[in-house]
Each structure stands twice: as C-alpha cells, then as structure tokens.
Amino acid sequence: MLNVDLEEEPETGRWIADVPELPGVLVYGTTAFEAVAKAKLLAIDVIGDRLANGEDPLTGCELGQNCPPFEAAVGFGGIEFHHVPLAC
C-alpha cells in the first residue's frame, strides 16, 4: 500500500500531496481532493514508467540486477496493483 501525505500551505491555501515511497511524486492542488487525485495519477505514471523500463516499480532498481525482492499491494481507491516477488 502506498501512502499519500497531504498538507495545506497556510500562506497560500493550496494543498500539497506526496507519495513518500516514490521520490519525486509531489503535487499541488487548489483543494485537498485535487491534490490527492493528482498524486495518485502521478504515482501510477511513475510505476508504469518503471515497469516499462524494466525497473522494480517501488525501488527503481533495474530488474535482473542485485535489487531486493519485493512484495507489495499498491492501492488507490478502487484501483489496486498486486505484485509478487520478482527474480532479480
């Protein structure tokens, strides 16, 4: 499961959402809902890009190298991706 951290900027009133497990997944929104939605979409894009490039979606480690095996369930709302350990 990935987490979405949400915080409001007091000086601007905009919302910041990030997914700590995926460095670089940080977005702003005018509402909390918008920020969380954007963070979820960006996280899915990052995971997809990593898979398309032969990388472990959570660590970014190149598959086939000496990366740690992983087992995770990544879920956002009604969308879930179930991963099993991959041979690295």
PDB file of N, CA and C in Angstrom:
ATOM      1  N   MET A   1       0.848  -1.173   0.000  1.00  0.00           N
ATOM      2  CA  MET A   1       0.000   0.000   0.000  1.00  0.00           C
ATOM      3  C   MET A   1       0.896   1.240   0.000  1.00  0.00           C
ATOM      4  N   LEU A   2       0.627   2.153  -0.875  1.00  0.00           N
ATOM      5  CA  LEU A   2       1.353   3.423  -0.881  1.00  0.00           C
ATOM      6  C   LEU A   2       0.549   4.449  -0.109  1.00  0.00           C
ATOM      7  N   ASN A   3       1.244   5.384   0.486  1.00  0.00           N
ATOM      8  CA  ASN A   3       0.593   6.429   1.267  1.00  0.00           C
ATOM      9  C   ASN A   3       0.622   7.753   0.525  1.00  0.00           C
ATOM     10  N   VAL A   4      -0.427   8.527   0.705  1.00  0.00           N
ATOM     11  CA  VAL A   4      -0.449   9.893   0.192  1.00  0.00           C
ATOM     12  C   VAL A   4      -0.468  10.817   1.401  1.00  0.00           C
ATOM     13  N   ASP A   5       0.603  11.596   1.545  1.00  0.00           N
ATOM     14  CA  ASP A   5       0.661  12.589   2.618  1.00  0.00           C
ATOM     15  C   ASP A   5       0.084  13.899   2.093  1.00  0.00           C
ATOM     16  N   LEU A   6      -0.731  14.534   2.892  1.00  0.00           N
ATOM     17  CA  LEU A   6      -1.441  15.739   2.478  1.00  0.00           C
ATOM     18  C   LEU A   6      -1.213  16.831   3.504  1.00  0.00           C
ATOM     19  N   GLU A   7      -0.924  18.032   3.002  1.00  0.00           N
ATOM     20  CA  GLU A   7      -0.677  19.173   3.889  1.00  0.00           C
ATOM     21  C   GLU A   7      -1.151  20.447   3.202  1.00  0.00           C
ATOM     22  N   GLU A   8      -1.748  21.346   3.977  1.00  0.00           N
ATOM     23  CA  GLU A   8      -2.170  22.630   3.431  1.00  0.00           C
ATOM     24  C   GLU A   8      -1.106  23.674   3.730  1.00  0.00           C
ATOM     25  N   GLU A   9      -0.775  24.477   2.723  1.00  0.00           N
ATOM     26  CA  GLU A   9       0.150  25.589   2.919  1.00  0.00           C
ATOM     27  C   GLU A   9      -0.637  26.754   3.514  1.00  0.00           C
ATOM     28  N   PRO A  10      -0.350  27.150   4.753  1.00  0.00           N
ATOM     29  CA  PRO A  10      -1.142  28.204   5.390  1.00  0.00           C
ATOM     30  C   PRO A  10      -1.082  29.548   4.658  1.00  0.00           C
ATOM     31  N   GLU A  11       0.077  29.870   4.092  1.00  0.00           N
ATOM     32  CA  GLU A  11       0.201  31.189   3.463  1.00  0.00           C
ATOM     33  C   GLU A  11      -0.511  31.302   2.127  1.00  0.00           C
ATOM     34  N   THR A  12      -0.638  30.183   1.387  1.00  0.00           N
ATOM     35  CA  THR A  12      -1.288  30.245   0.069  1.00  0.00           C
ATOM     36  C   THR A  12      -2.645  29.547   0.037  1.00  0.00           C
ATOM     37  N   GLY A  13      -2.885  28.643   0.977  1.00  0.00           N
ATOM     38  CA  GLY A  13      -4.133  27.898   0.992  1.00  0.00           C
ATOM     39  C   GLY A  13      -4.159  26.726   0.032  1.00  0.00           C
ATOM     40  N   ARG A  14      -3.104  26.535  -0.740  1.00  0.00           N
ATOM     41  CA  ARG A  14      -3.090  25.387  -1.644  1.00  0.00           C
ATOM     42  C   ARG A  14      -2.630  24.139  -0.889  1.00  0.00           C
ATOM     43  N   TRP A  15      -2.938  22.996  -1.456  1.00  0.00           N
ATOM     44  CA  TRP A  15      -2.650  21.713  -0.829  1.00  0.00           C
ATOM     45  C   TRP A  15      -1.476  21.026  -1.512  1.00  0.00           C
ATOM     46  N   ILE A  16      -0.643  20.374  -0.718  1.00  0.00           N
ATOM     47  CA  ILE A  16       0.499  19.616  -1.218  1.00  0.00           C
ATOM     48  C   ILE A  16       0.234  18.145  -0.902  1.00  0.00           C
ATOM     49  N   ALA A  17       0.382  17.290  -1.896  1.00  0.00           N
ATOM     50  CA  ALA A  17       0.246  15.850  -1.694  1.00  0.00           C
ATOM     51  C   ALA A  17       1.490  15.171  -2.245  1.00  0.00           C
ATOM     52  N   ASP A  18       2.020  14.221  -1.481  1.00  0.00           N
ATOM     53  CA  ASP A  18       3.154  13.458  -1.975  1.00  0.00           C
ATOM     54  C   ASP A  18       3.024  12.001  -1.568  1.00  0.00           C
ATOM     55  N   VAL A  19       3.743  11.156  -2.309  1.00  0.00           N
ATOM     56  CA  VAL A  19       3.788   9.725  -2.031  1.00  0.00           C
ATOM     57  C   VAL A  19       5.222   9.435  -1.595  1.00  0.00           C
ATOM     58  N   PRO A  20       5.455   9.307  -0.276  1.00  0.00           N
ATOM     59  CA  PRO A  20       6.818   9.158   0.231  1.00  0.00           C
ATOM     60  C   PRO A  20       7.572   7.949  -0.318  1.00  0.00           C
ATOM     61  N   GLU A  21       6.859   6.899  -0.660  1.00  0.00           N
ATOM     62  CA  GLU A  21       7.505   5.696  -1.179  1.00  0.00           C
ATOM     63  C   GLU A  21       8.030   5.864  -2.603  1.00  0.00           C
ATOM     64  N   LEU A  22       7.601   6.921  -3.282  1.00  0.00           N
ATOM     65  CA  LEU A  22       8.032   7.186  -4.656  1.00  0.00           C
ATOM     66  C   LEU A  22       8.623   8.593  -4.727  1.00  0.00           C
ATOM     67  N   PRO A  23       9.924   8.726  -4.518  1.00  0.00           N
ATOM     68  CA  PRO A  23      10.536  10.056  -4.558  1.00  0.00           C
ATOM     69  C   PRO A  23      10.193  10.804  -5.842  1.00  0.00           C
ATOM     70  N   GLY A  24       9.878  12.065  -5.702  1.00  0.00           N
ATOM     71  CA  GLY A  24       9.524  12.898  -6.847  1.00  0.00           C
ATOM     72  C   GLY A  24       8.035  13.001  -7.094  1.00  0.00           C
ATOM     73  N   VAL A  25       7.254  12.157  -6.429  1.00  0.00           N
ATOM     74  CA  VAL A  25       5.804  12.239  -6.588  1.00  0.00           C
ATOM     75  C   VAL A  25       5.293  13.254  -5.573  1.00  0.00           C
ATOM     76  N   LEU A  26       5.241  14.497  -6.006  1.00  0.00           N
ATOM     77  CA  LEU A  26       4.813  15.626  -5.177  1.00  0.00           C
ATOM     78  C   LEU A  26       4.040  16.573  -6.082  1.00  0.00           C
ATOM     79  N   VAL A  27       2.825  16.909  -5.672  1.00  0.00           N
ATOM     80  CA  VAL A  27       1.967  17.764  -6.491  1.00  0.00           C
ATOM     81  C   VAL A  27       1.258  18.796  -5.629  1.00  0.00           C
ATOM     82  N   TYR A  28       0.741  19.828  -6.282  1.00  0.00           N
ATOM     83  CA  TYR A  28      -0.053  20.859  -5.622  1.00  0.00           C
ATOM     84  C   TYR A  28      -1.464  20.825  -6.191  1.00  0.00           C
ATOM     85  N   GLY A  29      -2.430  21.223  -5.368  1.00  0.00           N
ATOM     86  CA  GLY A  29      -3.798  21.344  -5.824  1.00  0.00           C
ATOM     87  C   GLY A  29      -4.489  22.484  -5.095  1.00  0.00           C
ATOM     88  N   THR A  30      -5.555  22.993  -5.700  1.00  0.00           N
ATOM     89  CA  THR A  30      -6.301  24.075  -5.051  1.00  0.00           C
ATOM     90  C   THR A  30      -7.199  23.540  -3.948  1.00  0.00           C
ATOM     91  N   THR A  31      -7.513  22.231  -4.021  1.00  0.00           N
ATOM     92  CA  THR A  31      -8.286  21.574  -2.962  1.00  0.00           C
ATOM     93  C   THR A  31      -7.537  20.317  -2.546  1.00  0.00           C
ATOM     94  N   ALA A  32      -7.895  19.785  -1.381  1.00  0.00           N
ATOM     95  CA  ALA A  32      -7.289  18.537  -0.915  1.00  0.00           C
ATOM     96  C   ALA A  32      -7.592  17.411  -1.892  1.00  0.00           C
ATOM     97  N   PHE A  33      -8.830  17.346  -2.365  1.00  0.00           N
ATOM     98  CA  PHE A  33      -9.236  16.299  -3.305  1.00  0.00           C
ATOM     99  C   PHE A  33      -8.396  16.361  -4.576  1.00  0.00           C
ATOM    100  N   GLU A  34      -8.231  17.560  -5.124  1.00  0.00           N
ATOM    101  CA  GLU A  34      -7.450  17.712  -6.355  1.00  0.00           C
ATOM    102  C   GLU A  34      -6.006  17.275  -6.146  1.00  0.00           C
ATOM    103  N   ALA A  35      -5.403  17.659  -5.030  1.00  0.00           N
ATOM    104  CA  ALA A  35      -4.014  17.303  -4.764  1.00  0.00           C
ATOM    105  C   ALA A  35      -3.852  15.784  -4.637  1.00  0.00           C
ATOM    106  N   VAL A  36      -4.759  15.143  -3.924  1.00  0.00           N
ATOM    107  CA  VAL A  36      -4.679  13.685  -3.769  1.00  0.00           C
ATOM    108  C   VAL A  36      -4.881  12.994  -5.114  1.00  0.00           C
ATOM    109  N   ALA A  37      -5.839  13.439  -5.898  1.00  0.00           N
ATOM    110  CA  ALA A  37      -6.086  12.848  -7.215  1.00  0.00           C
ATOM    111  C   ALA A  37      -4.858  12.967  -8.109  1.00  0.00           C
ATOM    112  N   LYS A  38      -4.234  14.141  -8.116  1.00  0.00           N
ATOM    113  CA  LYS A  38      -3.025  14.340  -8.924  1.00  0.00           C
ATOM    114  C   LYS A  38      -1.886  13.445  -8.454  1.00  0.00           C
ATOM    115  N   ALA A  39      -1.740  13.290  -7.137  1.00  0.00           N
ATOM    116  CA  ALA A  39      -0.677  12.436  -6.592  1.00  0.00           C
ATOM    117  C   ALA A  39      -0.895  10.979  -6.998  1.00  0.00           C
ATOM    118  N   LYS A  40      -2.137  10.522  -6.956  1.00  0.00           N
ATOM    119  CA  LYS A  40      -2.442   9.149  -7.351  1.00  0.00           C
ATOM    120  C   LYS A  40      -2.123   8.919  -8.820  1.00  0.00           C
ATOM    121  N   LEU A  41      -2.525   9.856  -9.674  1.00  0.00           N
ATOM    122  CA  LEU A  41      -2.250   9.716 -11.107  1.00  0.00           C
ATOM    123  C   LEU A  41      -0.753   9.720 -11.403  1.00  0.00           C
ATOM    124  N   LEU A  42      -0.016  10.612 -10.743  1.00  0.00           N
ATOM    125  CA  LEU A  42       1.425  10.667 -10.964  1.00  0.00           C
ATOM    126  C   LEU A  42       2.098   9.390 -10.464  1.00  0.00           C
ATOM    127  N   ALA A  43       1.655   8.852  -9.325  1.00  0.00           N
ATOM    128  CA  ALA A  43       2.217   7.606  -8.804  1.00  0.00           C
ATOM    129  C   ALA A  43       2.006   6.462  -9.793  1.00  0.00           C
ATOM    130  N   ILE A  44       0.809   6.388 -10.364  1.00  0.00           N
ATOM    131  CA  ILE A  44       0.526   5.344 -11.346  1.00  0.00           C
ATOM    132  C   ILE A  44       1.421   5.516 -12.574  1.00  0.00           C
ATOM    133  N   ASP A  45       1.639   6.752 -13.015  1.00  0.00           N
ATOM    134  CA  ASP A  45       2.529   7.009 -14.156  1.00  0.00           C
ATOM    135  C   ASP A  45       3.963   6.578 -13.843  1.00  0.00           C
ATOM    136  N   VAL A  46       4.441   6.913 -12.646  1.00  0.00           N
ATOM    137  CA  VAL A  46       5.813   6.560 -12.257  1.00  0.00           C
ATOM    138  C   VAL A  46       5.965   5.038 -12.231  1.00  0.00           C
ATOM    139  N   ILE A  47       5.000   4.346 -11.624  1.00  0.00           N
ATOM    140  CA  ILE A  47       5.058   2.879 -11.568  1.00  0.00           C
ATOM    141  C   ILE A  47       5.048   2.297 -12.982  1.00  0.00           C
ATOM    142  N   GLY A  48       4.182   2.814 -13.847  1.00  0.00           N
ATOM    143  CA  GLY A  48       4.117   2.345 -15.230  1.00  0.00           C
ATOM    144  C   GLY A  48       5.408   2.581 -15.988  1.00  0.00           C
ATOM    145  N   ASP A  49       5.992   3.762 -15.820  1.00  0.00           N
ATOM    146  CA  ASP A  49       7.263   4.065 -16.483  1.00  0.00           C
ATOM    147  C   ASP A  49       8.363   3.129 -16.020  1.00  0.00           C
ATOM    148  N   ARG A  50       8.405   2.884 -14.716  1.00  0.00           N
ATOM    149  CA  ARG A  50       9.446   1.989 -14.189  1.00  0.00           C
ATOM    150  C   ARG A  50       9.279   0.583 -14.737  1.00  0.00           C
ATOM    151  N   LEU A  51       8.051   0.079 -14.766  1.00  0.00           N
ATOM    152  CA  LEU A  51       7.820  -1.255 -15.323  1.00  0.00           C
ATOM    153  C   LEU A  51       8.200  -1.313 -16.797  1.00  0.00           C
ATOM    154  N   ALA A  52       7.834  -0.271 -17.550  1.00  0.00           N
ATOM    155  CA  ALA A  52       8.140  -0.225 -18.980  1.00  0.00           C
ATOM    156  C   ALA A  52       9.641  -0.189 -19.243  1.00  0.00           C
ATOM    157  N   ASN A  53      10.404   0.329 -18.277  1.00  0.00           N
ATOM    158  CA  ASN A  53      11.855   0.422 -18.419  1.00  0.00           C
ATOM    159  C   ASN A  53      12.588  -0.718 -17.725  1.00  0.00           C
ATOM    160  N   GLY A  54      11.848  -1.756 -17.309  1.00  0.00           N
ATOM    161  CA  GLY A  54      12.481  -2.917 -16.699  1.00  0.00           C
ATOM    162  C   GLY A  54      12.994  -2.665 -15.303  1.00  0.00           C
ATOM    163  N   GLU A  55      12.340  -1.749 -14.577  1.00  0.00           N
ATOM    164  CA  GLU A  55      12.747  -1.439 -13.214  1.00  0.00           C
ATOM    165  C   GLU A  55      11.707  -1.924 -12.223  1.00  0.00           C
ATOM    166  N   ASP A  56      12.163  -2.208 -11.015  1.00  0.00           N
ATOM    167  CA  ASP A  56      11.248  -2.529  -9.924  1.00  0.00           C
ATOM    168  C   ASP A  56      10.411  -1.281  -9.677  1.00  0.00           C
ATOM    169  N   PRO A  57       9.093  -1.371  -9.681  1.00  0.00           N
ATOM    170  CA  PRO A  57       8.263  -0.169  -9.572  1.00  0.00           C
ATOM    171  C   PRO A  57       8.379   0.577  -8.251  1.00  0.00           C
ATOM    172  N   LEU A  58       8.791  -0.080  -7.187  1.00  0.00           N
ATOM    173  CA  LEU A  58       8.869   0.611  -5.908  1.00  0.00           C
ATOM    174  C   LEU A  58      10.271   1.088  -5.564  1.00  0.00           C
ATOM    175  N   THR A  59      11.303   0.374  -6.017  1.00  0.00           N
ATOM    176  CA  THR A  59      12.667   0.784  -5.668  1.00  0.00           C
ATOM    177  C   THR A  59      13.385   1.482  -6.808  1.00  0.00           C
ATOM    178  N   GLY A  60      12.916   1.276  -8.044  1.00  0.00           N
ATOM    179  CA  GLY A  60      13.599   1.855  -9.197  1.00  0.00           C
ATOM    180  C   GLY A  60      14.806   1.043  -9.617  1.00  0.00           C
ATOM    181  N   CYS A  61      15.075  -0.050  -8.902  1.00  0.00           N
ATOM    182  CA  CYS A  61      16.208  -0.915  -9.206  1.00  0.00           C
ATOM    183  C   CYS A  61      15.979  -1.601 -10.552  1.00  0.00           C
ATOM    184  N   GLU A  62      17.031  -1.679 -11.348  1.00  0.00           N
ATOM    185  CA  GLU A  62      16.917  -2.337 -12.647  1.00  0.00           C
ATOM    186  C   GLU A  62      16.731  -3.830 -12.433  1.00  0.00           C
ATOM    187  N   LEU A  63      15.637  -4.379 -12.960  1.00  0.00           N
ATOM    188  CA  LEU A  63      15.361  -5.807 -12.788  1.00  0.00           C
ATOM    189  C   LEU A  63      16.468  -6.635 -13.429  1.00  0.00           C
ATOM    190  N   GLY A  64      16.801  -7.733 -12.785  1.00  0.00           N
ATOM    191  CA  GLY A  64      17.893  -8.571 -13.264  1.00  0.00           C
ATOM    192  C   GLY A  64      19.198  -8.236 -12.576  1.00  0.00           C
ATOM    193  N   GLN A  65      19.233  -7.141 -11.856  1.00  0.00           N
ATOM    194  CA  GLN A  65      20.427  -6.750 -11.115  1.00  0.00           C
ATOM    195  C   GLN A  65      20.285  -7.225  -9.672  1.00  0.00           C
ATOM    196  N   ASN A  66      21.113  -6.753  -8.801  1.00  0.00           N
ATOM    197  CA  ASN A  66      21.094  -7.153  -7.404  1.00  0.00           C
ATOM    198  C   ASN A  66      20.126  -6.316  -6.596  1.00  0.00           C
ATOM    199  N   CYS A  67      18.881  -6.258  -6.988  1.00  0.00           N
ATOM    200  CA  CYS A  67      17.914  -5.465  -6.236  1.00  0.00           C
ATOM    201  C   CYS A  67      17.156  -6.367  -5.271  1.00  0.00           C
ATOM    202  N   PRO A  68      16.674  -5.803  -4.183  1.00  0.00           N
ATOM    203  CA  PRO A  68      15.933  -6.625  -3.229  1.00  0.00           C
ATOM    204  C   PRO A  68      14.590  -7.056  -3.807  1.00  0.00           C
ATOM    205  N   PRO A  69      14.161  -8.301  -3.547  1.00  0.00           N
ATOM    206  CA  PRO A  69      12.834  -8.714  -3.997  1.00  0.00           C
ATOM    207  C   PRO A  69      11.781  -7.933  -3.239  1.00  0.00           C
ATOM    208  N   PHE A  70      10.610  -7.786  -3.825  1.00  0.00           N
ATOM    209  CA  PHE A  70       9.565  -7.029  -3.149  1.00  0.00           C
ATOM    210  C   PHE A  70       8.232  -7.742  -3.280  1.00  0.00           C
ATOM    211  N   GLU A  71       7.383  -7.439  -2.355  1.00  0.00           N
ATOM    212  CA  GLU A  71       6.011  -7.920  -2.410  1.00  0.00           C
ATOM    213  C   GLU A  71       5.180  -6.786  -1.851  1.00  0.00           C
ATOM    214  N   ALA A  72       4.305  -6.257  -2.637  1.00  0.00           N
ATOM    215  CA  ALA A  72       3.537  -5.106  -2.182  1.00  0.00           C
ATOM    216  C   ALA A  72       2.184  -5.093  -2.844  1.00  0.00           C
ATOM    217  N   ALA A  73       1.270  -4.517  -2.165  1.00  0.00           N
ATOM    218  CA  ALA A  73      -0.035  -4.233  -2.746  1.00  0.00           C
ATOM    219  C   ALA A  73      -0.142  -2.726  -2.811  1.00  0.00           C
ATOM    220  N   VAL A  74      -0.316  -2.212  -3.985  1.00  0.00           N
ATOM    221  CA  VAL A  74      -0.413  -0.778  -4.173  1.00  0.00           C
ATOM    222  C   VAL A  74      -1.861  -0.477  -4.498  1.00  0.00           C
ATOM    223  N   GLY A  75      -2.529   0.294  -3.655  1.00  0.00           N
ATOM    224  CA  GLY A  75      -3.931   0.554  -3.893  1.00  0.00           C
ATOM    225  C   GLY A  75      -4.290   2.009  -3.728  1.00  0.00           C
ATOM    226  N   PHE A  76      -5.080   2.505  -4.610  1.00  0.00           N
ATOM    227  CA  PHE A  76      -5.598   3.860  -4.538  1.00  0.00           C
ATOM    228  C   PHE A  76      -7.086   3.770  -4.820  1.00  0.00           C
ATOM    229  N   GLY A  77      -7.883   4.003  -3.810  1.00  0.00           N
ATOM    230  CA  GLY A  77      -9.323   3.922  -4.021  1.00  0.00           C
ATOM    231  C   GLY A  77      -9.693   2.540  -4.504  1.00  0.00           C
ATOM    232  N   GLY A  78     -10.365   2.462  -5.642  1.00  0.00           N
ATOM    233  CA  GLY A  78     -10.782   1.183  -6.184  1.00  0.00           C
ATOM    234  C   GLY A  78      -9.752   0.532  -7.085  1.00  0.00           C
ATOM    235  N   ILE A  79      -8.599   1.153  -7.270  1.00  0.00           N
ATOM    236  CA  ILE A  79      -7.574   0.613  -8.161  1.00  0.00           C
ATOM    237  C   ILE A  79      -6.499  -0.043  -7.310  1.00  0.00           C
ATOM    238  N   GLU A  80      -6.226  -1.306  -7.584  1.00  0.00           N
ATOM    239  CA  GLU A  80      -5.165  -1.988  -6.851  1.00  0.00           C
ATOM    240  C   GLU A  80      -4.260  -2.734  -7.813  1.00  0.00           C
ATOM    241  N   PHE A  81      -2.983  -2.713  -7.504  1.00  0.00           N
ATOM    242  CA  PHE A  81      -1.997  -3.478  -8.252  1.00  0.00           C
ATOM    243  C   PHE A  81      -1.387  -4.448  -7.254  1.00  0.00           C
ATOM    244  N   HIS A  82      -1.392  -5.718  -7.574  1.00  0.00           N
ATOM    245  CA  HIS A  82      -0.803  -6.702  -6.678  1.00  0.00           C
ATOM    246  C   HIS A  82       0.481  -7.210  -7.312  1.00  0.00           C
ATOM    247  N   HIS A  83       1.556  -7.092  -6.562  1.00  0.00           N
ATOM    248  CA  HIS A  83       2.867  -7.512  -7.049  1.00  0.00           C
ATOM    249  C   HIS A  83       3.351  -8.684  -6.217  1.00  0.00           C
ATOM    250  N   VAL A  84       4.034  -9.591  -6.877  1.00  0.00           N
ATOM    251  CA  VAL A  84       4.670 -10.702  -6.175  1.00  0.00           C
ATOM    252  C   VAL A  84       6.172 -10.518  -6.313  1.00  0.00           C
ATOM    253  N   PRO A  85       6.964 -11.182  -5.468  1.00  0.00           N
ATOM    254  CA  PRO A  85       8.416 -11.022  -5.578  1.00  0.00           C
ATOM    255  C   PRO A  85       8.890 -11.380  -6.989  1.00  0.00           C
ATOM    256  N   LEU A  86       9.765 -10.562  -7.501  1.00  0.00           N
ATOM    257  CA  LEU A  86      10.328 -10.803  -8.827  1.00  0.00           C
ATOM    258  C   LEU A  86      11.745 -11.346  -8.672  1.00  0.00           C
ATOM    259  N   ALA A  87      12.135 -12.207  -9.574  1.00  0.00           N
ATOM    260  CA  ALA A  87      13.509 -12.712  -9.546  1.00  0.00           C
ATOM    261  C   ALA A  87      14.425 -11.604 -10.026  1.00  0.00           C
ATOM    262  N   CYS A  88      15.357 -11.220  -9.203  1.00  0.00           N
ATOM    263  CA  CYS A  88      16.292 -10.145  -9.552  1.00  0.00           C
ATOM    264  C   CYS A  88      17.688 -10.705  -9.690  1.00  0.00           C
TER     265      CYS A  88
END
